[in-house]
Amino acid sequence: MAMNVAVFGLGSMGFGMASSCLRAGLRVHGFDIDAARVASFLAEGGKNGAVSEVAPLLDAVVVVVLNAAQVESVLFGDNGVVPSLREGAVVLSCATVPPEFAKEAEKRCAEKDLLFLDAPISGGTVKAAQGALGIMASGSEAAFTAARPILDATAETVFRLGDAAGAGSAMKAVNQLLAGVHIATMAEAMTFGMTQGIRPDTFVEVITKCAGNSWMLENRAPHVVAGDYTPHSQVNIWPKDLGIVLQAAKSAGFHAPITETALRQYKLAVEMGLGKQDDAAVTKVYAKDAGLTLPKESE
């Protein structure tokens, strides 16, 4: 019989993961607060239904929401899924959350005889749709075994980082530090180049072939050149994710000044009303400050 899976959160990443599970032959129920996203998933062959009716039949729950508060609501809230799951079901927590939250969630699941995999994801919407994500996972051997069909369906690479929750989320925090800083640095470098007479398209052409390149620059800088800020990854994500980084750093007595600077730029972008735009829109903070006009901004 096909594995019964529920994916909570059918945003750009969750939808891709749910679709990848469908292609792998899993029986997938999709849930989202946006009815249109659910309808799109049903059109792809997914299933829906009341959580209370679906939960007892599930082998696995995949949570792909924005933050710890939403994970808490999905799992343990007033209508949370955990109390209705059968013994031995596995929960995959794929959101970016503080490591301590992941540890506590694992403990609370264990009290209900449930398995828990701390499994934050990386790779972007394209890789999510291709089933080619990187998953930074930690949990018991039993949790990895129970989650294997989902990991095989959604990931190109699964990094096994420990036998208990927390290690996966710690690694994701490290990744997000780099990713968030790289995007902000791309924005700074591109607009600095403009002050030196270097066009954004020339910047992309040259830097992506030079030592200053990064994956985030190569991925996000073309959005600025195209003047297209369709949100593949929203600006709003970064105050939350870099906030998690700084929270963990503070707990460790570690000072992260570059992260603090990048966080200020994202907060300024949110204050400018750019929170729901693609995170490449942080470039607009620099452009405004320097009096620059970005591609297509004058149209």
Protein backbone atom coordinates (compact mmCIF):
# COMPACT_ATOMS: atom_id res chain seq x y z
CA MET A 1 0.00 0.00 0.00
CA ALA A 2 1.16 3.55 -0.74
CA MET A 3 2.54 5.55 2.15
CA ASN A 4 0.00 8.06 3.50
CA VAL A 5 1.55 11.51 3.85
CA ALA A 6 0.21 14.93 4.78
CA VAL A 7 2.07 18.07 3.73
CA PHE A 8 1.18 21.16 5.74
CA GLY A 9 2.14 24.30 3.86
CA LEU A 10 1.72 24.37 0.09
CA GLY A 11 3.77 27.47 -0.58
CA SER A 12 6.53 27.52 -3.17
CA MET A 13 8.64 24.95 -1.31
CA GLY A 14 5.89 22.81 0.19
CA PHE A 15 3.99 22.52 -3.08
CA GLY A 16 7.11 21.27 -4.83
CA MET A 17 7.78 18.74 -2.09
CA ALA A 18 4.17 17.53 -2.10
CA SER A 19 4.23 17.18 -5.89
CA SER A 20 7.52 15.27 -5.72
CA CYS A 21 5.96 12.85 -3.23
CA LEU A 22 3.04 12.35 -5.60
CA ARG A 23 5.39 11.51 -8.46
CA ALA A 24 7.08 8.95 -6.25
CA GLY A 25 3.78 7.14 -5.80
CA LEU A 26 2.97 8.30 -2.29
CA ARG A 27 -0.60 9.09 -1.25
CA VAL A 28 -0.39 12.79 -0.37
CA HIS A 29 -2.87 15.03 1.43
CA GLY A 30 -2.17 18.76 1.12
CA PHE A 31 -3.14 21.46 3.60
CA ASP A 32 -2.74 25.22 3.39
CA ILE A 33 -4.59 28.31 4.63
CA ASP A 34 -4.77 29.44 0.98
CA ALA A 35 -7.65 27.56 -0.63
CA ALA A 36 -6.26 28.30 -4.09
CA ARG A 37 -3.04 26.45 -3.28
CA VAL A 38 -5.03 23.45 -2.08
CA ALA A 39 -7.15 23.52 -5.25
CA SER A 40 -4.00 23.56 -7.39
CA PHE A 41 -2.63 20.58 -5.51
CA LEU A 42 -5.88 18.65 -5.90
CA ALA A 43 -5.70 19.32 -9.64
CA GLU A 44 -2.27 17.61 -9.63
CA GLY A 45 -3.73 14.48 -8.08
CA GLY A 46 -3.32 15.31 -4.41
CA LYS A 47 -5.89 14.69 -1.73
CA ASN A 48 -7.39 16.83 1.01
CA GLY A 49 -9.98 16.30 3.74
CA ALA A 50 -10.51 17.27 7.36
CA VAL A 51 -7.34 16.99 9.43
CA SER A 52 -9.22 15.09 12.15
CA GLU A 53 -10.32 12.46 9.63
CA VAL A 54 -7.05 12.18 7.72
CA ALA A 55 -4.61 12.21 10.67
CA PRO A 56 -5.29 8.70 12.06
CA LEU A 57 -4.50 7.22 8.63
CA LEU A 58 -1.17 8.96 8.18
CA ASP A 59 2.28 7.40 8.17
CA ALA A 60 4.04 10.75 7.98
CA VAL A 61 3.50 14.49 8.36
CA VAL A 62 5.68 17.01 6.53
CA VAL A 63 5.54 20.57 7.89
CA VAL A 64 6.75 23.21 5.42
CA VAL A 65 5.55 26.47 6.97
CA LEU A 66 7.18 29.83 7.69
CA ASN A 67 8.27 29.78 11.31
CA ALA A 68 8.25 28.06 14.69
CA ALA A 69 4.89 29.55 15.68
CA GLN A 70 3.27 27.99 12.62
CA VAL A 71 4.96 24.61 13.27
CA GLU A 72 3.64 24.80 16.83
CA SER A 73 0.13 25.48 15.54
CA VAL A 74 0.19 22.66 12.97
CA LEU A 75 1.53 20.08 15.41
CA PHE A 76 0.34 21.07 18.86
CA GLY A 77 -2.26 23.84 18.45
CA ASP A 78 -6.00 23.68 19.13
CA ASN A 79 -6.49 21.75 15.89
CA GLY A 80 -2.98 20.30 15.83
CA VAL A 81 -2.34 17.00 14.11
CA VAL A 82 -0.15 15.32 16.74
CA PRO A 83 -2.88 14.06 19.11
CA SER A 84 -4.61 12.24 16.24
CA LEU A 85 -1.58 10.51 14.72
CA ARG A 86 -1.07 6.78 15.13
CA GLU A 87 1.80 5.44 17.22
CA GLY A 88 4.99 5.27 15.19
CA ALA A 89 4.08 7.92 12.62
CA VAL A 90 6.92 10.28 11.72
CA VAL A 91 6.88 14.08 11.70
CA LEU A 92 9.33 15.89 9.39
CA SER A 93 9.82 19.50 10.43
CA CYS A 94 11.19 21.34 7.38
CA ALA A 95 10.76 24.95 8.50
CA THR A 96 13.67 27.09 9.66
CA VAL A 97 13.30 27.14 13.45
CA PRO A 98 15.61 27.65 16.44
CA PRO A 99 17.49 24.47 17.38
CA GLU A 100 15.96 24.53 20.88
CA PHE A 101 12.47 24.54 19.38
CA ALA A 102 13.30 21.45 17.32
CA LYS A 103 14.62 19.65 20.40
CA GLU A 104 11.44 20.44 22.35
CA ALA A 105 9.20 19.37 19.46
CA GLU A 106 11.03 16.03 19.28
CA LYS A 107 10.48 15.54 23.01
CA ARG A 108 6.77 16.35 22.78
CA CYS A 109 6.32 13.97 19.84
CA ALA A 110 8.12 11.20 21.72
CA GLU A 111 5.64 11.61 24.57
CA LYS A 112 2.95 10.61 22.05
CA ASP A 113 5.04 7.68 20.74
CA LEU A 114 5.75 9.57 17.51
CA LEU A 115 9.02 9.83 15.61
CA PHE A 116 10.46 13.25 14.76
CA LEU A 117 12.99 14.31 12.13
CA ASP A 118 14.52 17.77 12.33
CA ALA A 119 14.73 18.28 8.56
CA PRO A 120 15.19 21.87 7.34
CA ILE A 121 15.51 22.24 3.59
CA SER A 122 17.60 24.19 1.09
CA GLY A 123 17.70 24.57 -2.67
CA GLY A 124 14.93 26.93 -3.72
CA THR A 125 11.65 26.47 -5.52
CA VAL A 126 13.07 24.90 -8.68
CA LYS A 127 14.82 22.12 -6.79
CA ALA A 128 11.77 21.62 -4.58
CA ALA A 129 9.69 21.03 -7.70
CA GLN A 130 12.34 18.66 -9.08
CA GLY A 131 12.61 16.63 -5.88
CA ALA A 132 16.26 17.66 -5.67
CA LEU A 133 16.51 19.55 -2.38
CA GLY A 134 19.27 19.41 0.17
CA ILE A 135 17.90 18.31 3.54
CA MET A 136 19.88 18.95 6.72
CA ALA A 137 18.46 16.25 8.95
CA SER A 138 18.94 14.94 12.45
CA GLY A 139 16.96 12.40 14.43
CA SER A 140 16.87 8.80 15.52
CA GLU A 141 17.63 5.89 13.23
CA ALA A 142 13.95 4.93 13.46
CA ALA A 143 12.91 8.42 12.33
CA PHE A 144 15.24 8.30 9.33
CA THR A 145 13.95 4.85 8.38
CA ALA A 146 10.30 5.92 8.64
CA ALA A 147 10.95 9.09 6.64
CA ARG A 148 13.05 7.40 3.93
CA PRO A 149 10.36 7.32 1.18
CA ILE A 150 9.78 11.06 1.63
CA LEU A 151 13.50 11.86 1.72
CA ASP A 152 14.04 9.80 -1.43
CA ALA A 153 11.18 11.61 -3.18
CA THR A 154 12.15 15.16 -2.25
CA ALA A 155 15.92 15.31 -1.82
CA GLU A 156 19.00 15.07 -3.98
CA THR A 157 21.17 15.04 -0.88
CA VAL A 158 20.27 14.16 2.71
CA PHE A 159 22.86 15.23 5.25
CA ARG A 160 22.67 13.05 8.37
CA LEU A 161 23.86 15.39 11.10
CA GLY A 162 23.08 13.57 14.31
CA ASP A 163 20.82 11.18 16.16
CA ALA A 164 18.68 13.83 17.85
CA ALA A 165 16.80 16.95 16.81
CA GLY A 166 18.58 20.29 16.95
CA ALA A 167 21.63 19.53 14.83
CA GLY A 168 19.67 19.91 11.58
CA SER A 169 18.29 23.28 12.61
CA ALA A 170 21.72 24.42 13.80
CA MET A 171 23.19 23.66 10.37
CA LYS A 172 20.30 25.44 8.67
CA ALA A 173 21.07 28.52 10.78
CA VAL A 174 24.66 28.42 9.50
CA ASN A 175 23.40 28.10 5.93
CA GLN A 176 20.95 30.97 6.39
CA LEU A 177 23.65 33.22 7.79
CA LEU A 178 25.63 32.74 4.60
CA ALA A 179 22.65 32.91 2.25
CA GLY A 180 21.18 36.05 3.80
CA VAL A 181 24.51 37.82 3.91
CA HIS A 182 25.31 36.80 0.32
CA ILE A 183 22.06 38.27 -1.02
CA ALA A 184 22.59 41.55 0.84
CA THR A 185 26.22 41.65 -0.30
CA MET A 186 25.11 41.02 -3.90
CA ALA A 187 22.81 44.03 -3.57
CA GLU A 188 25.59 46.16 -2.15
CA ALA A 189 28.12 45.11 -4.79
CA MET A 190 25.73 45.60 -7.69
CA THR A 191 24.69 49.09 -6.62
CA PHE A 192 28.28 50.02 -5.77
CA GLY A 193 29.16 48.96 -9.30
CA MET A 194 26.44 51.25 -10.65
CA THR A 195 28.10 54.19 -8.91
CA GLN A 196 31.24 53.25 -10.83
CA GLY A 197 29.46 53.17 -14.17
CA ILE A 198 28.97 49.39 -14.28
CA ARG A 199 25.59 48.30 -15.59
CA PRO A 200 23.75 45.59 -13.63
CA ASP A 201 23.73 43.24 -16.63
CA THR A 202 27.49 43.70 -17.04
CA PHE A 203 27.92 43.04 -13.32
CA VAL A 204 26.13 39.71 -13.70
CA GLU A 205 28.01 38.75 -16.85
CA VAL A 206 31.42 39.36 -15.28
CA ILE A 207 31.05 38.50 -11.60
CA THR A 208 29.31 35.16 -12.19
CA LYS A 209 32.50 34.07 -13.95
CA CYS A 210 34.87 35.46 -11.34
CA ALA A 211 35.95 34.65 -7.80
CA GLY A 212 33.42 37.05 -6.27
CA ASN A 213 30.53 34.86 -7.39
CA SER A 214 28.24 32.92 -5.05
CA TRP A 215 25.22 30.71 -5.63
CA MET A 216 22.92 33.35 -4.18
CA LEU A 217 24.43 36.09 -6.36
CA GLU A 218 24.13 33.94 -9.46
CA ASN A 219 20.52 33.12 -8.60
CA ARG A 220 19.25 36.50 -7.35
CA ALA A 221 21.16 39.15 -9.32
CA PRO A 222 19.34 38.29 -12.59
CA HIS A 223 16.05 39.13 -10.85
CA VAL A 224 17.30 42.69 -10.40
CA VAL A 225 18.53 42.90 -13.99
CA ALA A 226 15.09 41.73 -15.18
CA GLY A 227 13.28 44.07 -12.81
CA ASP A 228 11.26 41.04 -11.74
CA TYR A 229 10.62 40.73 -8.02
CA THR A 230 8.11 37.88 -8.17
CA PRO A 231 8.62 36.29 -4.75
CA HIS A 232 10.46 33.00 -5.10
CA SER A 233 11.78 33.75 -1.61
CA GLN A 234 10.34 36.78 0.17
CA VAL A 235 12.24 39.57 1.88
CA ASN A 236 10.05 38.78 4.90
CA ILE A 237 11.89 35.50 5.43
CA TRP A 238 15.17 37.15 6.34
CA PRO A 239 14.30 39.15 9.48
CA LYS A 240 12.99 35.86 10.86
CA ASP A 241 15.86 33.62 9.72
CA LEU A 242 18.69 36.01 10.57
CA GLY A 243 16.90 36.66 13.85
CA ILE A 244 17.22 32.92 14.57
CA VAL A 245 20.92 33.09 13.71
CA LEU A 246 21.49 35.98 16.10
CA GLN A 247 19.43 34.33 18.83
CA ALA A 248 21.57 31.20 18.59
CA ALA A 249 24.74 33.28 18.43
CA LYS A 250 23.77 35.20 21.55
CA SER A 251 23.11 31.94 23.41
CA ALA A 252 26.61 30.79 22.45
CA GLY A 253 28.23 34.10 23.43
CA PHE A 254 29.17 34.67 19.80
CA HIS A 255 29.18 38.09 18.10
CA ALA A 256 28.01 38.11 14.47
CA PRO A 257 28.44 41.71 13.24
CA ILE A 258 28.11 40.96 9.52
CA THR A 259 24.81 39.16 10.12
CA GLU A 260 23.60 42.12 12.20
CA THR A 261 24.38 44.49 9.34
CA ALA A 262 22.60 42.33 6.76
CA LEU A 263 19.58 42.03 9.05
CA ARG A 264 19.30 45.83 9.25
CA GLN A 265 19.12 46.01 5.45
CA TYR A 266 16.28 43.48 5.30
CA LYS A 267 14.42 45.32 8.03
CA LEU A 268 14.77 48.54 6.03
CA ALA A 269 13.39 46.72 2.99
CA VAL A 270 10.36 45.62 5.02
CA GLU A 271 9.87 49.21 6.23
CA MET A 272 9.88 50.29 2.56
CA GLY A 273 6.94 47.96 1.93
CA LEU A 274 9.03 45.34 0.10
CA GLY A 275 8.44 42.45 2.50
CA LYS A 276 6.39 40.34 0.09
CA GLN A 277 8.70 40.90 -2.87
CA ASP A 278 11.52 38.57 -3.86
CA ASP A 279 14.45 38.94 -1.48
CA ALA A 280 16.54 40.40 -4.31
CA ALA A 281 14.47 43.53 -3.64
CA VAL A 282 16.85 44.33 -0.78
CA THR A 283 18.82 45.93 -3.63
CA LYS A 284 16.22 48.70 -3.62
CA VAL A 285 17.38 49.77 -0.16
CA TYR A 286 20.84 50.52 -1.52
CA ALA A 287 19.47 52.10 -4.71
CA LYS A 288 17.21 54.45 -2.75
CA ASP A 289 20.02 55.52 -0.44
CA ALA A 290 22.34 56.20 -3.40
CA GLY A 291 19.71 57.82 -5.64
CA LEU A 292 20.09 55.09 -8.26
CA THR A 293 17.47 53.79 -10.68
CA LEU A 294 17.42 50.03 -11.04
CA PRO A 295 16.46 48.29 -14.30
CA LYS A 296 12.81 48.86 -15.24
CA GLU A 297 12.22 50.85 -12.09
CA SER A 298 11.47 53.97 -14.14
CA GLU A 299 8.91 52.22 -16.37
